[in-house]
Amino acid sequence: MQREEAIMFRLKFKKYLDAVEFLRRVAEAAERLNHHPDVELRYVNLALRLTTHDAGTRSRRRTCGWPRRYKK
């Protein structure tokens, strides 16, 4: 069994529609970057899980660049 590394982001919003709007922006950028996160939205709680399969499932903040691309 291979261990997979990932970067996790957990965000909490004031309103459900704020979370949905943020997720929409993430989805648009993911399409541009061709780098799609695993997503879990539960009311105002959003979790994003990022892996970089190009690097043998290793995820590094500097290689994927996602933390700098999204703002709440």
PDB file of N, CA and C in Angstrom:
ATOM      1  N   MET A   1       0.844  -1.184   0.000  1.00  0.00           N
ATOM      2  CA  MET A   1       0.000   0.000   0.000  1.00  0.00           C
ATOM      3  C   MET A   1       0.886   1.242   0.000  1.00  0.00           C
ATOM      4  N   GLN A   2       0.624   2.149  -0.899  1.00  0.00           N
ATOM      5  CA  GLN A   2       1.421   3.359  -1.041  1.00  0.00           C
ATOM      6  C   GLN A   2       0.797   4.501  -0.243  1.00  0.00           C
ATOM      7  N   ARG A   3       1.656   5.219   0.466  1.00  0.00           N
ATOM      8  CA  ARG A   3       1.190   6.383   1.225  1.00  0.00           C
ATOM      9  C   ARG A   3       1.112   7.584   0.298  1.00  0.00           C
ATOM     10  N   GLU A   4       0.008   8.287   0.358  1.00  0.00           N
ATOM     11  CA  GLU A   4      -0.166   9.469  -0.485  1.00  0.00           C
ATOM     12  C   GLU A   4      -0.070  10.724   0.370  1.00  0.00           C
ATOM     13  N   GLU A   5       0.755  11.648  -0.059  1.00  0.00           N
ATOM     14  CA  GLU A   5       0.892  12.919   0.647  1.00  0.00           C
ATOM     15  C   GLU A   5      -0.054  13.934   0.033  1.00  0.00           C
ATOM     16  N   ALA A   6      -0.557  14.812   0.860  1.00  0.00           N
ATOM     17  CA  ALA A   6      -1.491  15.833   0.381  1.00  0.00           C
ATOM     18  C   ALA A   6      -1.386  17.068   1.258  1.00  0.00           C
ATOM     19  N   ILE A   7      -1.822  18.179   0.708  1.00  0.00           N
ATOM     20  CA  ILE A   7      -1.940  19.437   1.450  1.00  0.00           C
ATOM     21  C   ILE A   7      -3.433  19.647   1.687  1.00  0.00           C
ATOM     22  N   MET A   8      -3.799  19.897   2.933  1.00  0.00           N
ATOM     23  CA  MET A   8      -5.203  20.098   3.296  1.00  0.00           C
ATOM     24  C   MET A   8      -5.451  21.563   3.675  1.00  0.00           C
ATOM     25  N   PHE A   9      -6.553  22.074   3.210  1.00  0.00           N
ATOM     26  CA  PHE A   9      -7.024  23.397   3.600  1.00  0.00           C
ATOM     27  C   PHE A   9      -8.418  23.210   4.174  1.00  0.00           C
ATOM     28  N   ARG A  10      -8.654  23.753   5.339  1.00  0.00           N
ATOM     29  CA  ARG A  10      -9.998  23.720   5.943  1.00  0.00           C
ATOM     30  C   ARG A  10     -10.402  25.168   6.202  1.00  0.00           C
ATOM     31  N   LEU A  11     -11.523  25.555   5.634  1.00  0.00           N
ATOM     32  CA  LEU A  11     -11.996  26.928   5.735  1.00  0.00           C
ATOM     33  C   LEU A  11     -13.419  26.940   6.283  1.00  0.00           C
ATOM     34  N   LYS A  12     -13.728  27.963   7.046  1.00  0.00           N
ATOM     35  CA  LYS A  12     -15.080  28.133   7.575  1.00  0.00           C
ATOM     36  C   LYS A  12     -15.576  29.516   7.159  1.00  0.00           C
ATOM     37  N   PHE A  13     -16.771  29.562   6.617  1.00  0.00           N
ATOM     38  CA  PHE A  13     -17.361  30.801   6.132  1.00  0.00           C
ATOM     39  C   PHE A  13     -18.535  31.209   7.016  1.00  0.00           C
ATOM     40  N   LYS A  14     -18.918  32.469   6.914  1.00  0.00           N
ATOM     41  CA  LYS A  14     -20.055  32.948   7.698  1.00  0.00           C
ATOM     42  C   LYS A  14     -21.374  32.447   7.138  1.00  0.00           C
ATOM     43  N   LYS A  15     -21.454  32.353   5.797  1.00  0.00           N
ATOM     44  CA  LYS A  15     -22.697  31.931   5.154  1.00  0.00           C
ATOM     45  C   LYS A  15     -22.405  30.854   4.115  1.00  0.00           C
ATOM     46  N   TYR A  16     -23.388  29.987   3.914  1.00  0.00           N
ATOM     47  CA  TYR A  16     -23.270  28.915   2.935  1.00  0.00           C
ATOM     48  C   TYR A  16     -22.938  29.459   1.543  1.00  0.00           C
ATOM     49  N   LEU A  17     -23.630  30.508   1.106  1.00  0.00           N
ATOM     50  CA  LEU A  17     -23.390  31.039  -0.231  1.00  0.00           C
ATOM     51  C   LEU A  17     -21.989  31.634  -0.383  1.00  0.00           C
ATOM     52  N   ASP A  18     -21.392  32.114   0.703  1.00  0.00           N
ATOM     53  CA  ASP A  18     -19.994  32.573   0.646  1.00  0.00           C
ATOM     54  C   ASP A  18     -19.070  31.396   0.340  1.00  0.00           C
ATOM     55  N   ALA A  19     -19.332  30.257   0.965  1.00  0.00           N
ATOM     56  CA  ALA A  19     -18.528  29.056   0.714  1.00  0.00           C
ATOM     57  C   ALA A  19     -18.693  28.586  -0.728  1.00  0.00           C
ATOM     58  N   VAL A  20     -19.915  28.621  -1.216  1.00  0.00           N
ATOM     59  CA  VAL A  20     -20.189  28.201  -2.591  1.00  0.00           C
ATOM     60  C   VAL A  20     -19.482  29.122  -3.588  1.00  0.00           C
ATOM     61  N   GLU A  21     -19.525  30.416  -3.356  1.00  0.00           N
ATOM     62  CA  GLU A  21     -18.859  31.379  -4.248  1.00  0.00           C
ATOM     63  C   GLU A  21     -17.350  31.165  -4.245  1.00  0.00           C
ATOM     64  N   PHE A  22     -16.773  30.959  -3.078  1.00  0.00           N
ATOM     65  CA  PHE A  22     -15.340  30.696  -2.996  1.00  0.00           C
ATOM     66  C   PHE A  22     -14.993  29.412  -3.758  1.00  0.00           C
ATOM     67  N   LEU A  23     -15.796  28.380  -3.579  1.00  0.00           N
ATOM     68  CA  LEU A  23     -15.561  27.116  -4.274  1.00  0.00           C
ATOM     69  C   LEU A  23     -15.678  27.291  -5.786  1.00  0.00           C
ATOM     70  N   ARG A  24     -16.602  28.130  -6.225  1.00  0.00           N
ATOM     71  CA  ARG A  24     -16.719  28.414  -7.667  1.00  0.00           C
ATOM     72  C   ARG A  24     -15.439  29.013  -8.212  1.00  0.00           C
ATOM     73  N   ARG A  25     -14.844  29.957  -7.451  1.00  0.00           N
ATOM     74  CA  ARG A  25     -13.586  30.576  -7.884  1.00  0.00           C
ATOM     75  C   ARG A  25     -12.447  29.557  -7.896  1.00  0.00           C
ATOM     76  N   VAL A  26     -12.421  28.687  -6.913  1.00  0.00           N
ATOM     77  CA  VAL A  26     -11.410  27.620  -6.877  1.00  0.00           C
ATOM     78  C   VAL A  26     -11.566  26.720  -8.103  1.00  0.00           C
ATOM     79  N   ALA A  27     -12.800  26.360  -8.424  1.00  0.00           N
ATOM     80  CA  ALA A  27     -13.062  25.480  -9.563  1.00  0.00           C
ATOM     81  C   ALA A  27     -12.611  26.112 -10.877  1.00  0.00           C
ATOM     82  N   GLU A  28     -12.853  27.402 -11.046  1.00  0.00           N
ATOM     83  CA  GLU A  28     -12.425  28.086 -12.267  1.00  0.00           C
ATOM     84  C   GLU A  28     -10.902  28.079 -12.388  1.00  0.00           C
ATOM     85  N   ALA A  29     -10.218  28.365 -11.290  1.00  0.00           N
ATOM     86  CA  ALA A  29      -8.751  28.360 -11.313  1.00  0.00           C
ATOM     87  C   ALA A  29      -8.215  26.946 -11.521  1.00  0.00           C
ATOM     88  N   ALA A  30      -8.865  25.958 -10.929  1.00  0.00           N
ATOM     89  CA  ALA A  30      -8.439  24.566 -11.096  1.00  0.00           C
ATOM     90  C   ALA A  30      -8.493  24.168 -12.570  1.00  0.00           C
ATOM     91  N   GLU A  31      -9.517  24.595 -13.251  1.00  0.00           N
ATOM     92  CA  GLU A  31      -9.615  24.306 -14.685  1.00  0.00           C
ATOM     93  C   GLU A  31      -8.475  24.951 -15.451  1.00  0.00           C
ATOM     94  N   ARG A  32      -8.178  26.220 -15.156  1.00  0.00           N
ATOM     95  CA  ARG A  32      -7.077  26.911 -15.834  1.00  0.00           C
ATOM     96  C   ARG A  32      -5.748  26.215 -15.583  1.00  0.00           C
ATOM     97  N   LEU A  33      -5.530  25.760 -14.333  1.00  0.00           N
ATOM     98  CA  LEU A  33      -4.266  25.138 -13.949  1.00  0.00           C
ATOM     99  C   LEU A  33      -4.210  23.644 -14.272  1.00  0.00           C
ATOM    100  N   ASN A  34      -5.358  23.064 -14.623  1.00  0.00           N
ATOM    101  CA  ASN A  34      -5.471  21.617 -14.816  1.00  0.00           C
ATOM    102  C   ASN A  34      -4.936  20.877 -13.594  1.00  0.00           C
ATOM    103  N   HIS A  35      -5.359  21.348 -12.432  1.00  0.00           N
ATOM    104  CA  HIS A  35      -4.935  20.780 -11.149  1.00  0.00           C
ATOM    105  C   HIS A  35      -6.141  20.835 -10.221  1.00  0.00           C
ATOM    106  N   HIS A  36      -6.866  19.728 -10.138  1.00  0.00           N
ATOM    107  CA  HIS A  36      -8.178  19.716  -9.490  1.00  0.00           C
ATOM    108  C   HIS A  36      -8.113  19.122  -8.084  1.00  0.00           C
ATOM    109  N   PRO A  37      -8.555  19.865  -7.093  1.00  0.00           N
ATOM    110  CA  PRO A  37      -8.529  19.365  -5.718  1.00  0.00           C
ATOM    111  C   PRO A  37      -9.716  18.436  -5.424  1.00  0.00           C
ATOM    112  N   ASP A  38      -9.566  17.625  -4.403  1.00  0.00           N
ATOM    113  CA  ASP A  38     -10.708  16.922  -3.832  1.00  0.00           C
ATOM    114  C   ASP A  38     -11.405  17.930  -2.931  1.00  0.00           C
ATOM    115  N   VAL A  39     -12.725  17.970  -2.987  1.00  0.00           N
ATOM    116  CA  VAL A  39     -13.495  19.006  -2.305  1.00  0.00           C
ATOM    117  C   VAL A  39     -14.575  18.379  -1.430  1.00  0.00           C
ATOM    118  N   GLU A  40     -14.742  18.968  -0.253  1.00  0.00           N
ATOM    119  CA  GLU A  40     -15.854  18.574   0.617  1.00  0.00           C
ATOM    120  C   GLU A  40     -16.486  19.851   1.165  1.00  0.00           C
ATOM    121  N   LEU A  41     -17.753  20.048   0.861  1.00  0.00           N
ATOM    122  CA  LEU A  41     -18.486  21.216   1.348  1.00  0.00           C
ATOM    123  C   LEU A  41     -19.612  20.725   2.246  1.00  0.00           C
ATOM    124  N   ARG A  42     -19.575  21.164   3.497  1.00  0.00           N
ATOM    125  CA  ARG A  42     -20.609  20.827   4.467  1.00  0.00           C
ATOM    126  C   ARG A  42     -21.086  22.130   5.102  1.00  0.00           C
ATOM    127  N   TYR A  43     -22.171  22.622   4.583  1.00  0.00           N
ATOM    128  CA  TYR A  43     -22.778  23.880   5.004  1.00  0.00           C
ATOM    129  C   TYR A  43     -21.773  25.021   4.891  1.00  0.00           C
ATOM    130  N   VAL A  44     -21.169  25.519   5.972  1.00  0.00           N
ATOM    131  CA  VAL A  44     -20.223  26.634   5.884  1.00  0.00           C
ATOM    132  C   VAL A  44     -18.767  26.157   5.991  1.00  0.00           C
ATOM    133  N   ASN A  45     -18.553  24.865   6.035  1.00  0.00           N
ATOM    134  CA  ASN A  45     -17.201  24.297   6.173  1.00  0.00           C
ATOM    135  C   ASN A  45     -16.755  23.702   4.845  1.00  0.00           C
ATOM    136  N   LEU A  46     -15.603  24.158   4.383  1.00  0.00           N
ATOM    137  CA  LEU A  46     -15.056  23.710   3.114  1.00  0.00           C
ATOM    138  C   LEU A  46     -13.684  23.106   3.353  1.00  0.00           C
ATOM    139  N   ALA A  47     -13.453  21.924   2.795  1.00  0.00           N
ATOM    140  CA  ALA A  47     -12.146  21.277   2.874  1.00  0.00           C
ATOM    141  C   ALA A  47     -11.647  21.028   1.457  1.00  0.00           C
ATOM    142  N   LEU A  48     -10.391  21.391   1.214  1.00  0.00           N
ATOM    143  CA  LEU A  48      -9.741  21.152  -0.071  1.00  0.00           C
ATOM    144  C   LEU A  48      -8.528  20.270   0.180  1.00  0.00           C
ATOM    145  N   ARG A  49      -8.377  19.238  -0.613  1.00  0.00           N
ATOM    146  CA  ARG A  49      -7.245  18.327  -0.484  1.00  0.00           C
ATOM    147  C   ARG A  49      -6.504  18.329  -1.811  1.00  0.00           C
ATOM    148  N   LEU A  50      -5.227  18.692  -1.765  1.00  0.00           N
ATOM    149  CA  LEU A  50      -4.425  18.823  -2.977  1.00  0.00           C
ATOM    150  C   LEU A  50      -3.335  17.764  -3.023  1.00  0.00           C
ATOM    151  N   THR A  51      -3.212  17.132  -4.163  1.00  0.00           N
ATOM    152  CA  THR A  51      -2.095  16.229  -4.409  1.00  0.00           C
ATOM    153  C   THR A  51      -1.513  16.581  -5.764  1.00  0.00           C
ATOM    154  N   THR A  52      -0.251  16.261  -5.953  1.00  0.00           N
ATOM    155  CA  THR A  52       0.411  16.500  -7.228  1.00  0.00           C
ATOM    156  C   THR A  52       0.867  15.159  -7.761  1.00  0.00           C
ATOM    157  N   HIS A  53       0.069  14.583  -8.631  1.00  0.00           N
ATOM    158  CA  HIS A  53       0.386  13.266  -9.174  1.00  0.00           C
ATOM    159  C   HIS A  53       1.593  13.304 -10.104  1.00  0.00           C
ATOM    160  N   ASP A  54       1.880  14.469 -10.683  1.00  0.00           N
ATOM    161  CA  ASP A  54       3.051  14.601 -11.558  1.00  0.00           C
ATOM    162  C   ASP A  54       4.347  14.375 -10.795  1.00  0.00           C
ATOM    163  N   ALA A  55       4.327  14.622  -9.488  1.00  0.00           N
ATOM    164  CA  ALA A  55       5.533  14.477  -8.667  1.00  0.00           C
ATOM    165  C   ALA A  55       5.451  13.200  -7.840  1.00  0.00           C
ATOM    166  N   GLY A  56       4.828  12.161  -8.372  1.00  0.00           N
ATOM    167  CA  GLY A  56       4.735  10.910  -7.643  1.00  0.00           C
ATOM    168  C   GLY A  56       3.872  11.014  -6.401  1.00  0.00           C
ATOM    169  N   THR A  57       2.768  11.715  -6.473  1.00  0.00           N
ATOM    170  CA  THR A  57       1.807  11.988  -5.394  1.00  0.00           C
ATOM    171  C   THR A  57       2.366  12.876  -4.291  1.00  0.00           C
ATOM    172  N   ARG A  58       3.500  13.458  -4.486  1.00  0.00           N
ATOM    173  CA  ARG A  58       4.021  14.398  -3.487  1.00  0.00           C
ATOM    174  C   ARG A  58       3.416  15.769  -3.725  1.00  0.00           C
ATOM    175  N   SER A  59       2.988  16.383  -2.669  1.00  0.00           N
ATOM    176  CA  SER A  59       2.444  17.735  -2.762  1.00  0.00           C
ATOM    177  C   SER A  59       3.370  18.674  -2.016  1.00  0.00           C
ATOM    178  N   ARG A  60       3.710  19.721  -2.682  1.00  0.00           N
ATOM    179  CA  ARG A  60       4.544  20.738  -2.062  1.00  0.00           C
ATOM    180  C   ARG A  60       3.925  22.088  -2.323  1.00  0.00           C
ATOM    181  N   ARG A  61       3.893  22.897  -1.306  1.00  0.00           N
ATOM    182  CA  ARG A  61       3.273  24.217  -1.463  1.00  0.00           C
ATOM    183  C   ARG A  61       3.936  25.015  -2.583  1.00  0.00           C
ATOM    184  N   ARG A  62       5.240  24.944  -2.695  1.00  0.00           N
ATOM    185  CA  ARG A  62       5.896  25.764  -3.709  1.00  0.00           C
ATOM    186  C   ARG A  62       5.663  25.246  -5.121  1.00  0.00           C
ATOM    187  N   THR A  63       5.403  23.937  -5.294  1.00  0.00           N
ATOM    188  CA  THR A  63       5.201  23.418  -6.632  1.00  0.00           C
ATOM    189  C   THR A  63       3.782  23.585  -7.120  1.00  0.00           C
ATOM    190  N   CYS A  64       2.807  23.421  -6.261  1.00  0.00           N
ATOM    191  CA  CYS A  64       1.427  23.548  -6.745  1.00  0.00           C
ATOM    192  C   CYS A  64       0.967  24.996  -6.737  1.00  0.00           C
ATOM    193  N   GLY A  65       1.502  25.828  -5.867  1.00  0.00           N
ATOM    194  CA  GLY A  65       1.193  27.249  -5.867  1.00  0.00           C
ATOM    195  C   GLY A  65      -0.209  27.619  -5.424  1.00  0.00           C
ATOM    196  N   TRP A  66      -1.010  26.672  -4.972  1.00  0.00           N
ATOM    197  CA  TRP A  66      -2.399  26.965  -4.630  1.00  0.00           C
ATOM    198  C   TRP A  66      -2.571  27.924  -3.477  1.00  0.00           C
ATOM    199  N   PRO A  67      -1.806  27.843  -2.407  1.00  0.00           N
ATOM    200  CA  PRO A  67      -2.085  28.746  -1.282  1.00  0.00           C
ATOM    201  C   PRO A  67      -2.045  30.216  -1.661  1.00  0.00           C
ATOM    202  N   ARG A  68      -1.241  30.576  -2.645  1.00  0.00           N
ATOM    203  CA  ARG A  68      -1.134  31.981  -3.049  1.00  0.00           C
ATOM    204  C   ARG A  68      -2.244  32.397  -4.013  1.00  0.00           C
ATOM    205  N   ARG A  69      -2.921  31.453  -4.622  1.00  0.00           N
ATOM    206  CA  ARG A  69      -3.892  31.776  -5.673  1.00  0.00           C
ATOM    207  C   ARG A  69      -5.299  32.071  -5.155  1.00  0.00           C
ATOM    208  N   TYR A  70      -5.580  31.678  -3.933  1.00  0.00           N
ATOM    209  CA  TYR A  70      -6.942  31.805  -3.435  1.00  0.00           C
ATOM    210  C   TYR A  70      -6.990  32.617  -2.160  1.00  0.00           C
ATOM    211  N   LYS A  71      -7.936  33.484  -2.097  1.00  0.00           N
ATOM    212  CA  LYS A  71      -8.163  34.275  -0.885  1.00  0.00           C
ATOM    213  C   LYS A  71      -9.627  34.177  -0.544  1.00  0.00           C
ATOM    214  N   LYS A  72      -9.902  34.073   0.714  1.00  0.00           N
ATOM    215  CA  LYS A  72     -11.258  33.977   1.222  1.00  0.00           C
ATOM    216  C   LYS A  72     -12.028  35.270   0.991  1.00  0.00           C
TER     217      LYS A  72
END
